[in-house]
Amino acid sequence: QVQLVESGGGLVQAGGSLRLSCAASTNIFTRYALGWYRQAPGKQRELVATITNGGSTNYADSVKGRFTISRDNAKNTVYLQMNSLKPEDTAVYYCNVDIRAYGFQWHWGQGTQVTVSS
């Protein structure tokens, strides 16, 4: 079973930036398209961005132009660079496979909290 560890969250003012990282325990990670997800209080978890193992990316409309997903297969790590943060980006952020593409998910990590103050 793949273990996922997210990090890099924190408290930031609106307009600021953060870079999230997600490290996997196994290099099986490199075979799959990956995604960053987020869950705000009282809301369902939503897909934020995806990246294929070839590097093609896709973004939710709410983050397009502000967030950038990337991956380093040698490090079994996927990143999310978040710029121009808004209070509505406040959530716990998680990584996993692109669940829509594969129809399964790995066990969720603990996530990393991002809080954007206005």
Protein backbone atom coordinates (compact mmCIF):
# COMPACT_ATOMS: atom_id res chain seq x y z
CA GLN A 1 0.00 0.00 0.00
CA VAL A 2 1.30 3.43 -0.93
CA GLN A 3 1.78 5.85 1.92
CA LEU A 4 1.45 9.55 1.16
CA VAL A 5 2.87 12.37 3.24
CA GLU A 6 1.85 15.94 2.45
CA SER A 7 3.71 18.98 3.73
CA GLY A 8 4.26 22.68 3.13
CA GLY A 9 0.98 24.15 4.30
CA GLY A 10 0.65 27.08 6.62
CA LEU A 11 -0.95 30.42 7.31
CA VAL A 12 -0.51 33.05 4.62
CA GLN A 13 -2.09 36.38 3.77
CA ALA A 14 -4.23 36.78 0.67
CA GLY A 15 -2.02 37.27 -2.34
CA GLY A 16 0.75 35.16 -0.89
CA SER A 17 2.28 31.89 -2.05
CA LEU A 18 2.92 28.41 -0.73
CA ARG A 19 4.51 25.31 -2.19
CA LEU A 20 3.06 21.98 -1.15
CA SER A 21 4.87 18.67 -1.42
CA CYS A 22 3.59 15.12 -1.35
CA ALA A 23 6.04 12.26 -0.97
CA ALA A 24 5.14 8.66 -1.67
CA SER A 25 6.62 5.62 0.03
CA THR A 26 7.15 3.67 -3.17
CA ASN A 27 8.16 4.33 -6.74
CA ILE A 28 4.93 2.79 -7.99
CA PHE A 29 3.91 6.43 -7.67
CA THR A 30 5.72 7.14 -10.93
CA ARG A 31 3.41 4.93 -12.99
CA TYR A 32 0.30 6.95 -12.35
CA ALA A 33 -1.30 10.27 -13.11
CA LEU A 34 -1.53 12.13 -9.82
CA GLY A 35 -3.80 14.73 -8.36
CA TRP A 36 -3.98 17.35 -5.66
CA TYR A 37 -7.28 17.57 -3.83
CA ARG A 38 -8.61 19.85 -1.13
CA GLN A 39 -11.37 19.78 1.44
CA ALA A 40 -12.69 22.90 3.09
CA PRO A 41 -14.71 22.73 6.33
CA GLY A 42 -18.22 21.49 5.66
CA LYS A 43 -17.52 20.77 2.01
CA GLN A 44 -16.74 17.71 -0.05
CA ARG A 45 -13.23 16.96 -1.17
CA GLU A 46 -12.58 18.45 -4.61
CA LEU A 47 -9.99 17.90 -7.29
CA VAL A 48 -7.65 20.86 -7.74
CA ALA A 49 -5.08 19.74 -10.30
CA THR A 50 -3.79 16.65 -12.06
CA ILE A 51 -0.57 15.66 -13.78
CA THR A 52 0.02 12.63 -15.97
CA ASN A 53 3.20 10.59 -15.78
CA GLY A 54 4.16 12.36 -18.99
CA GLY A 55 3.77 15.78 -17.41
CA SER A 56 0.47 16.95 -18.92
CA THR A 57 -1.50 19.04 -16.46
CA ASN A 58 -5.08 20.04 -15.85
CA TYR A 59 -6.61 22.45 -13.34
CA ALA A 60 -9.91 23.28 -11.75
CA ASP A 61 -11.24 26.57 -13.07
CA SER A 62 -11.00 28.09 -9.59
CA VAL A 63 -7.20 27.74 -9.51
CA LYS A 64 -6.28 28.00 -13.18
CA GLY A 65 -3.51 30.54 -13.72
CA ARG A 66 -2.63 30.62 -10.01
CA PHE A 67 -1.60 27.05 -9.15
CA THR A 68 1.01 24.85 -10.84
CA ILE A 69 1.33 21.10 -10.35
CA SER A 70 4.62 19.35 -11.03
CA ARG A 71 6.28 16.07 -10.20
CA ASP A 72 9.76 14.68 -9.61
CA ASN A 73 9.61 10.96 -10.28
CA ALA A 74 13.17 10.45 -9.06
CA LYS A 75 12.01 11.66 -5.64
CA ASN A 76 8.54 10.07 -5.74
CA THR A 77 7.18 13.54 -5.05
CA VAL A 78 4.47 15.74 -6.49
CA TYR A 79 4.28 19.47 -5.85
CA LEU A 80 1.67 22.18 -5.92
CA GLN A 81 2.89 25.75 -6.28
CA MET A 82 0.13 28.09 -5.16
CA ASN A 83 0.33 31.79 -5.98
CA SER A 84 -2.08 34.66 -5.54
CA LEU A 85 -3.81 32.77 -2.75
CA LYS A 86 -7.35 33.71 -1.80
CA PRO A 87 -9.30 33.10 1.43
CA GLU A 88 -11.46 30.60 -0.48
CA ASP A 89 -8.34 28.46 -1.02
CA THR A 90 -8.38 27.67 2.70
CA ALA A 91 -8.63 23.90 3.06
CA VAL A 92 -6.75 20.74 3.89
CA TYR A 93 -4.81 19.67 0.81
CA TYR A 94 -4.16 16.06 -0.13
CA CYS A 95 -2.51 14.18 -2.96
CA ASN A 96 -3.55 10.87 -4.48
CA VAL A 97 -3.82 9.20 -7.85
CA ASP A 98 -6.09 10.82 -10.43
CA ILE A 99 -9.15 9.00 -9.10
CA ARG A 100 -11.28 9.93 -12.09
CA ALA A 101 -8.80 8.29 -14.44
CA TYR A 102 -8.33 5.03 -12.56
CA GLY A 103 -11.44 4.53 -10.47
CA PHE A 104 -9.48 3.76 -7.33
CA GLN A 105 -7.59 5.67 -4.69
CA TRP A 106 -4.71 5.04 -2.37
CA HIS A 107 -5.10 5.44 1.36
CA TRP A 108 -5.33 9.16 2.09
CA GLY A 109 -2.50 10.85 3.93
CA GLN A 110 -3.01 13.30 6.77
CA GLY A 111 -3.08 16.25 4.41
CA THR A 112 -1.59 19.68 4.96
CA GLN A 113 -3.59 22.66 6.19
CA VAL A 114 -3.57 25.83 4.12
CA THR A 115 -5.15 28.89 5.71
CA VAL A 116 -5.39 32.15 3.78
CA SER A 117 -6.28 35.24 5.75
CA SER A 118 -7.95 38.25 4.20
